[in-house]
Amino acid sequence: MKNDRQSHRHRSRLGRGRRSFLGHVSRGRTVAIVSLAVAGLSASAYALFSLTGGNHRELGSVIADWTTASRPTIMGTASVVDGDTVEIHGQRIRFNGIDAPESRQLCKDANGLDYPCGRRSAEALDTFLAVSRPAQCTFVAWDRYHRFVGDCRRADGASVGSWMVKHGQALDWPRYSHGAYAEQQAQAKAAKVGLWTGEFEAPWDWRADHSDDPKPSTNRKLGVITPSKIAQSYSCQPRRYCSQISSCEEAHWYLNNCSWGRKLDRDGDGIPCEGLC
């Protein structure tokens, strides 16, 4: 009987020791998993933090439904730049896959009279976004001018790109959309709304015809997309340095259009970034 009691106490001590050991292992695994998750979120938050220009107060509102497996999203009140570009928290965002008339572009209405279709498109976008704020834009890519290209929606989930094309205020651009808005464009054309009420030149063709540099591109034989034909146009934000500029045409655009452009022409001879030009 005495031996039985000693054996029982021995087994009890072994059981408690085993449970204690397993508890430490389980807690260790939990700590490791939590540490990895925190590290991942920290890296993700830092990436989005750069989009806010280092503003801590804006970081909370800019990060929306962020996980380490999802794409960055910017959320906030959108300021309209033109019919296919907005600005949120100081970040300029180009809508993915659509192209709207340029701000200076004119089109013809049903009576053959010129009207400012570029401004009309921007006004339509502003009215559409005002119905349900804030807007939310999900990152797709950085364009060659270091701008955020994204798919944007209103707070109620309505797609900005789909609405603009369906109401004839922008065009589906298959080169970048791969026909994602072809159906909406067919509806707009059939209903003769927006641009389809009259005659217009596709925005990418209009830019090519109104390029500041009338000389043909030397890159044409190589199949390189020239700046005047790409959907994402130049922007003064953020500031560029010569080391970040890819062509003489781009450097001249900044020189003539941006407040900091003269700093690209150090000797004041009218030629910016002389390593390029």
Protein backbone atom coordinates (compact mmCIF):
# COMPACT_ATOMS: atom_id res chain seq x y z
CA MET A 1 0.00 0.00 0.00
CA LYS A 2 2.82 2.40 0.88
CA ASN A 3 4.55 1.61 -2.39
CA ASP A 4 1.31 2.31 -4.27
CA ARG A 5 0.98 5.77 -2.68
CA GLN A 6 4.61 6.64 -3.50
CA SER A 7 4.13 5.50 -7.08
CA HIS A 8 0.98 7.62 -7.39
CA ARG A 9 2.77 10.73 -6.08
CA HIS A 10 5.64 10.11 -8.49
CA ARG A 11 3.27 9.88 -11.46
CA SER A 12 1.49 13.09 -10.32
CA ARG A 13 4.78 14.99 -10.22
CA LEU A 14 5.68 13.71 -13.69
CA GLY A 15 2.25 14.80 -15.01
CA ARG A 16 2.60 18.30 -13.56
CA GLY A 17 6.11 18.62 -14.99
CA ARG A 18 4.96 17.53 -18.45
CA ARG A 19 2.01 19.96 -18.41
CA SER A 20 4.33 22.76 -17.29
CA PHE A 21 6.78 21.98 -20.07
CA LEU A 22 4.04 21.88 -22.72
CA GLY A 23 2.66 25.14 -21.39
CA HIS A 24 6.03 26.83 -21.83
CA VAL A 25 6.32 25.45 -25.37
CA SER A 26 2.80 26.64 -26.27
CA ARG A 27 3.44 30.09 -24.85
CA GLY A 28 6.77 30.22 -26.69
CA ARG A 29 5.07 29.42 -30.00
CA THR A 30 2.41 32.05 -29.35
CA VAL A 31 5.04 34.69 -28.56
CA ALA A 32 6.96 33.78 -31.73
CA ILE A 33 3.83 34.00 -33.92
CA VAL A 34 2.76 37.31 -32.39
CA SER A 35 6.29 38.69 -32.80
CA LEU A 36 6.33 37.76 -36.49
CA ALA A 37 2.89 39.30 -37.03
CA VAL A 38 3.92 42.53 -35.32
CA ALA A 39 7.10 42.68 -37.37
CA GLY A 40 5.12 42.21 -40.60
CA LEU A 41 2.59 44.87 -39.69
CA SER A 42 5.37 47.26 -38.73
CA ALA A 43 7.02 46.86 -42.11
CA SER A 44 3.68 47.32 -43.86
CA ALA A 45 2.86 50.41 -41.81
CA TYR A 46 6.24 51.90 -42.66
CA ALA A 47 5.57 51.41 -46.38
CA LEU A 48 2.23 53.21 -46.11
CA PHE A 49 3.75 55.84 -43.82
CA SER A 50 5.94 56.97 -46.72
CA LEU A 51 2.78 57.65 -48.76
CA THR A 52 1.65 60.22 -46.18
CA GLY A 53 4.81 62.25 -46.47
CA GLY A 54 5.76 61.40 -42.89
CA ASN A 55 2.60 62.77 -41.30
CA HIS A 56 1.82 60.70 -38.19
CA ARG A 57 -1.67 62.15 -37.78
CA GLU A 58 -2.71 61.11 -41.27
CA LEU A 59 -1.31 57.59 -41.01
CA GLY A 60 -4.30 56.20 -39.15
CA SER A 61 -6.82 57.41 -41.70
CA VAL A 62 -4.68 56.41 -44.67
CA ILE A 63 -4.26 52.77 -43.70
CA ALA A 64 -7.53 50.93 -44.45
CA ASP A 65 -8.04 47.20 -43.91
CA TRP A 66 -4.32 46.57 -44.17
CA THR A 67 -2.91 43.08 -43.82
CA THR A 68 0.48 41.74 -44.79
CA ALA A 69 -1.12 39.87 -47.71
CA SER A 70 -3.17 42.76 -49.14
CA ARG A 71 -2.25 45.69 -51.33
CA PRO A 72 -1.81 49.20 -49.86
CA THR A 73 -4.95 51.30 -49.77
CA ILE A 74 -5.32 55.06 -49.40
CA MET A 75 -8.58 56.39 -48.01
CA GLY A 76 -9.65 60.02 -47.66
CA THR A 77 -11.39 62.96 -49.26
CA ALA A 78 -10.34 63.11 -52.89
CA SER A 79 -9.49 66.42 -54.57
CA VAL A 80 -10.09 66.24 -58.31
CA VAL A 81 -7.11 67.13 -60.51
CA ASP A 82 -8.75 66.13 -63.79
CA GLY A 83 -11.09 63.45 -65.08
CA ASP A 84 -8.74 60.56 -64.34
CA THR A 85 -6.59 61.87 -61.48
CA VAL A 86 -7.29 62.77 -57.86
CA GLU A 87 -5.23 63.67 -54.84
CA ILE A 88 -5.69 62.14 -51.37
CA HIS A 89 -3.56 63.18 -48.38
CA GLY A 90 -1.13 64.89 -50.75
CA GLN A 91 -0.65 61.74 -52.86
CA ARG A 92 -1.59 62.08 -56.51
CA ILE A 93 -3.45 59.02 -57.77
CA ARG A 94 -4.02 58.09 -61.42
CA PHE A 95 -7.04 55.86 -62.10
CA ASN A 96 -6.03 52.53 -63.53
CA GLY A 97 -7.20 51.54 -67.03
CA ILE A 98 -9.15 54.65 -68.09
CA ASP A 99 -8.26 57.89 -69.83
CA ALA A 100 -10.24 61.13 -69.62
CA PRO A 101 -9.97 64.25 -71.81
CA GLU A 102 -7.16 66.61 -70.86
CA SER A 103 -7.97 69.83 -69.00
CA ARG A 104 -7.29 71.95 -72.11
CA GLN A 105 -9.00 69.58 -74.53
CA LEU A 106 -12.05 70.64 -76.54
CA CYS A 107 -14.63 68.32 -78.09
CA LYS A 108 -17.67 68.88 -80.28
CA ASP A 109 -21.22 68.53 -79.00
CA ALA A 110 -24.25 67.19 -80.90
CA ASN A 111 -24.54 70.51 -82.77
CA GLY A 112 -20.89 70.53 -83.81
CA LEU A 113 -19.93 73.29 -81.34
CA ASP A 114 -16.75 73.17 -79.30
CA TYR A 115 -17.05 72.66 -75.56
CA PRO A 116 -14.43 72.07 -72.81
CA CYS A 117 -14.81 68.32 -72.47
CA GLY A 118 -11.77 68.04 -70.22
CA ARG A 119 -13.25 70.42 -67.65
CA ARG A 120 -16.65 68.79 -68.04
CA SER A 121 -15.15 65.40 -67.23
CA ALA A 122 -13.44 66.74 -64.10
CA GLU A 123 -16.70 68.35 -62.94
CA ALA A 124 -18.60 65.09 -63.46
CA LEU A 125 -16.00 63.22 -61.41
CA ASP A 126 -16.20 65.75 -58.58
CA THR A 127 -20.01 65.48 -58.49
CA PHE A 128 -19.84 61.67 -58.49
CA LEU A 129 -17.33 61.50 -55.63
CA ALA A 130 -19.26 64.01 -53.50
CA VAL A 131 -22.23 61.62 -53.22
CA SER A 132 -20.40 59.17 -50.94
CA ARG A 133 -17.14 60.13 -49.25
CA PRO A 134 -14.41 59.23 -48.51
CA ALA A 135 -12.87 57.61 -51.56
CA GLN A 136 -10.69 54.54 -51.30
CA CYS A 137 -7.94 53.68 -53.79
CA THR A 138 -6.14 50.34 -53.91
CA PHE A 139 -2.60 50.30 -55.24
CA VAL A 140 -1.96 48.69 -58.63
CA ALA A 141 1.47 50.01 -59.65
CA TRP A 142 3.82 52.97 -59.65
CA ASP A 143 3.95 54.62 -63.05
CA ARG A 144 7.18 55.71 -64.69
CA TYR A 145 6.77 59.14 -63.11
CA HIS A 146 6.57 57.61 -59.62
CA ARG A 147 2.84 58.21 -59.23
CA PHE A 148 0.41 55.90 -57.49
CA VAL A 149 -1.84 54.13 -60.02
CA GLY A 150 -4.89 52.58 -58.38
CA ASP A 151 -8.40 51.22 -58.59
CA CYS A 152 -10.65 53.68 -56.75
CA ARG A 153 -14.12 53.42 -55.23
CA ARG A 154 -16.51 55.67 -53.37
CA ALA A 155 -17.41 54.91 -49.75
CA ASP A 156 -20.53 53.09 -50.98
CA GLY A 157 -18.41 50.77 -53.14
CA ALA A 158 -19.20 52.33 -56.53
CA SER A 159 -16.27 51.97 -58.94
CA VAL A 160 -14.93 55.32 -60.14
CA GLY A 161 -13.51 53.92 -63.37
CA SER A 162 -16.68 52.06 -64.28
CA TRP A 163 -18.89 55.08 -63.62
CA MET A 164 -16.72 57.50 -65.60
CA VAL A 165 -16.62 55.21 -68.66
CA LYS A 166 -20.30 54.22 -68.45
CA HIS A 167 -21.34 57.89 -68.39
CA GLY A 168 -19.09 58.83 -71.28
CA GLN A 169 -16.75 61.01 -69.21
CA ALA A 170 -13.70 58.83 -69.84
CA LEU A 171 -12.60 56.06 -72.18
CA ASP A 172 -11.59 52.49 -71.57
CA TRP A 173 -7.89 52.29 -72.42
CA PRO A 174 -7.28 48.66 -73.48
CA ARG A 175 -3.52 49.12 -73.39
CA TYR A 176 -3.72 49.27 -69.62
CA SER A 177 -7.19 47.93 -68.79
CA HIS A 178 -7.08 44.91 -71.12
CA GLY A 179 -10.72 45.67 -71.93
CA ALA A 180 -11.94 45.79 -68.33
CA TYR A 181 -14.30 48.68 -69.15
CA ALA A 182 -15.22 47.68 -72.71
CA GLU A 183 -18.79 46.79 -71.74
CA GLN A 184 -19.36 50.14 -69.98
CA GLN A 185 -17.96 51.95 -72.99
CA ALA A 186 -20.28 50.10 -75.35
CA GLN A 187 -23.23 51.15 -73.17
CA ALA A 188 -22.14 54.80 -73.19
CA LYS A 189 -21.67 54.78 -76.95
CA ALA A 190 -25.08 53.20 -77.54
CA ALA A 191 -26.77 55.69 -75.21
CA LYS A 192 -24.84 58.63 -76.71
CA VAL A 193 -23.92 60.11 -73.35
CA GLY A 194 -20.97 62.29 -72.40
CA LEU A 195 -18.28 62.35 -75.05
CA TRP A 196 -20.40 60.12 -77.30
CA THR A 197 -23.02 62.85 -77.89
CA GLY A 198 -20.72 64.43 -80.45
CA GLU A 199 -17.19 64.11 -81.80
CA PHE A 200 -13.95 63.86 -79.87
CA GLU A 201 -10.34 62.82 -80.14
CA ALA A 202 -9.12 60.06 -77.85
CA PRO A 203 -7.13 61.68 -75.02
CA TRP A 204 -3.97 59.70 -75.82
CA ASP A 205 -4.12 60.92 -79.44
CA TRP A 206 -4.86 64.49 -78.32
CA ARG A 207 -1.74 64.48 -76.12
CA ALA A 208 0.38 63.20 -78.99
CA ASP A 209 -0.93 65.96 -81.29
CA HIS A 210 -0.39 68.67 -78.67
CA SER A 211 3.00 67.61 -77.38
CA ASP A 212 5.30 70.45 -76.37
CA ASP A 213 8.03 68.75 -78.38
CA PRO A 214 6.92 68.47 -82.04
CA LYS A 215 9.93 66.33 -82.97
CA PRO A 216 9.19 62.64 -83.58
CA SER A 217 10.39 60.34 -80.85
CA THR A 218 13.79 58.76 -81.40
CA ASN A 219 12.53 55.74 -79.44
CA ARG A 220 9.77 54.90 -81.89
CA LYS A 221 11.79 52.17 -83.67
CA LEU A 222 12.52 50.50 -80.34
CA GLY A 223 8.83 50.32 -79.44
CA VAL A 224 9.27 52.43 -76.31
CA ILE A 225 6.18 54.32 -75.11
CA THR A 226 6.90 58.03 -75.29
CA PRO A 227 5.85 60.39 -72.47
CA SER A 228 3.36 62.20 -74.69
CA LYS A 229 1.47 58.95 -75.32
CA ILE A 230 1.48 57.41 -71.90
CA ALA A 231 -1.69 57.71 -69.80
CA GLN A 232 0.12 58.89 -66.70
CA SER A 233 1.23 62.46 -67.48
CA TYR A 234 4.01 64.39 -65.73
CA SER A 235 3.35 65.78 -62.27
CA CYS A 236 5.11 68.44 -60.16
CA GLN A 237 4.63 66.33 -57.03
CA PRO A 238 6.90 65.10 -55.66
CA ARG A 239 9.92 67.15 -56.68
CA ARG A 240 12.33 65.43 -59.09
CA TYR A 241 16.10 65.59 -59.37
CA CYS A 242 18.05 65.03 -62.58
CA SER A 243 19.09 61.57 -61.39
CA GLN A 244 15.38 60.62 -61.26
CA ILE A 245 14.48 61.98 -64.71
CA SER A 246 14.59 59.64 -67.71
CA SER A 247 14.49 61.99 -70.71
CA CYS A 248 15.26 65.49 -71.94
CA GLU A 249 11.57 66.00 -72.78
CA GLU A 250 10.60 65.18 -69.21
CA ALA A 251 13.24 67.57 -67.83
CA HIS A 252 11.97 70.42 -70.05
CA TRP A 253 8.40 69.80 -68.86
CA TYR A 254 9.44 70.20 -65.23
CA LEU A 255 11.49 73.30 -66.07
CA ASN A 256 8.53 75.00 -67.73
CA ASN A 257 5.71 73.85 -65.46
CA CYS A 258 6.95 73.36 -61.90
CA SER A 259 7.91 75.91 -59.25
CA TRP A 260 11.14 74.01 -58.56
CA GLY A 261 11.89 73.41 -62.26
CA ARG A 262 14.56 76.14 -62.50
CA LYS A 263 16.73 74.22 -60.07
CA LEU A 264 17.26 71.68 -62.84
CA ASP A 265 19.01 74.43 -64.85
CA ARG A 266 21.96 75.26 -62.62
CA ASP A 267 23.78 77.59 -65.01
CA GLY A 268 20.62 79.40 -66.20
CA ASP A 269 21.19 78.68 -69.89
CA GLY A 270 17.69 77.30 -70.41
CA ILE A 271 18.88 73.70 -70.68
CA PRO A 272 17.86 71.47 -67.76
CA CYS A 273 19.74 68.35 -66.70
CA GLU A 274 22.52 68.80 -69.23
CA GLY A 275 23.58 65.18 -68.79
CA LEU A 276 20.30 64.29 -70.53
CA CYS A 277 19.91 67.29 -72.84
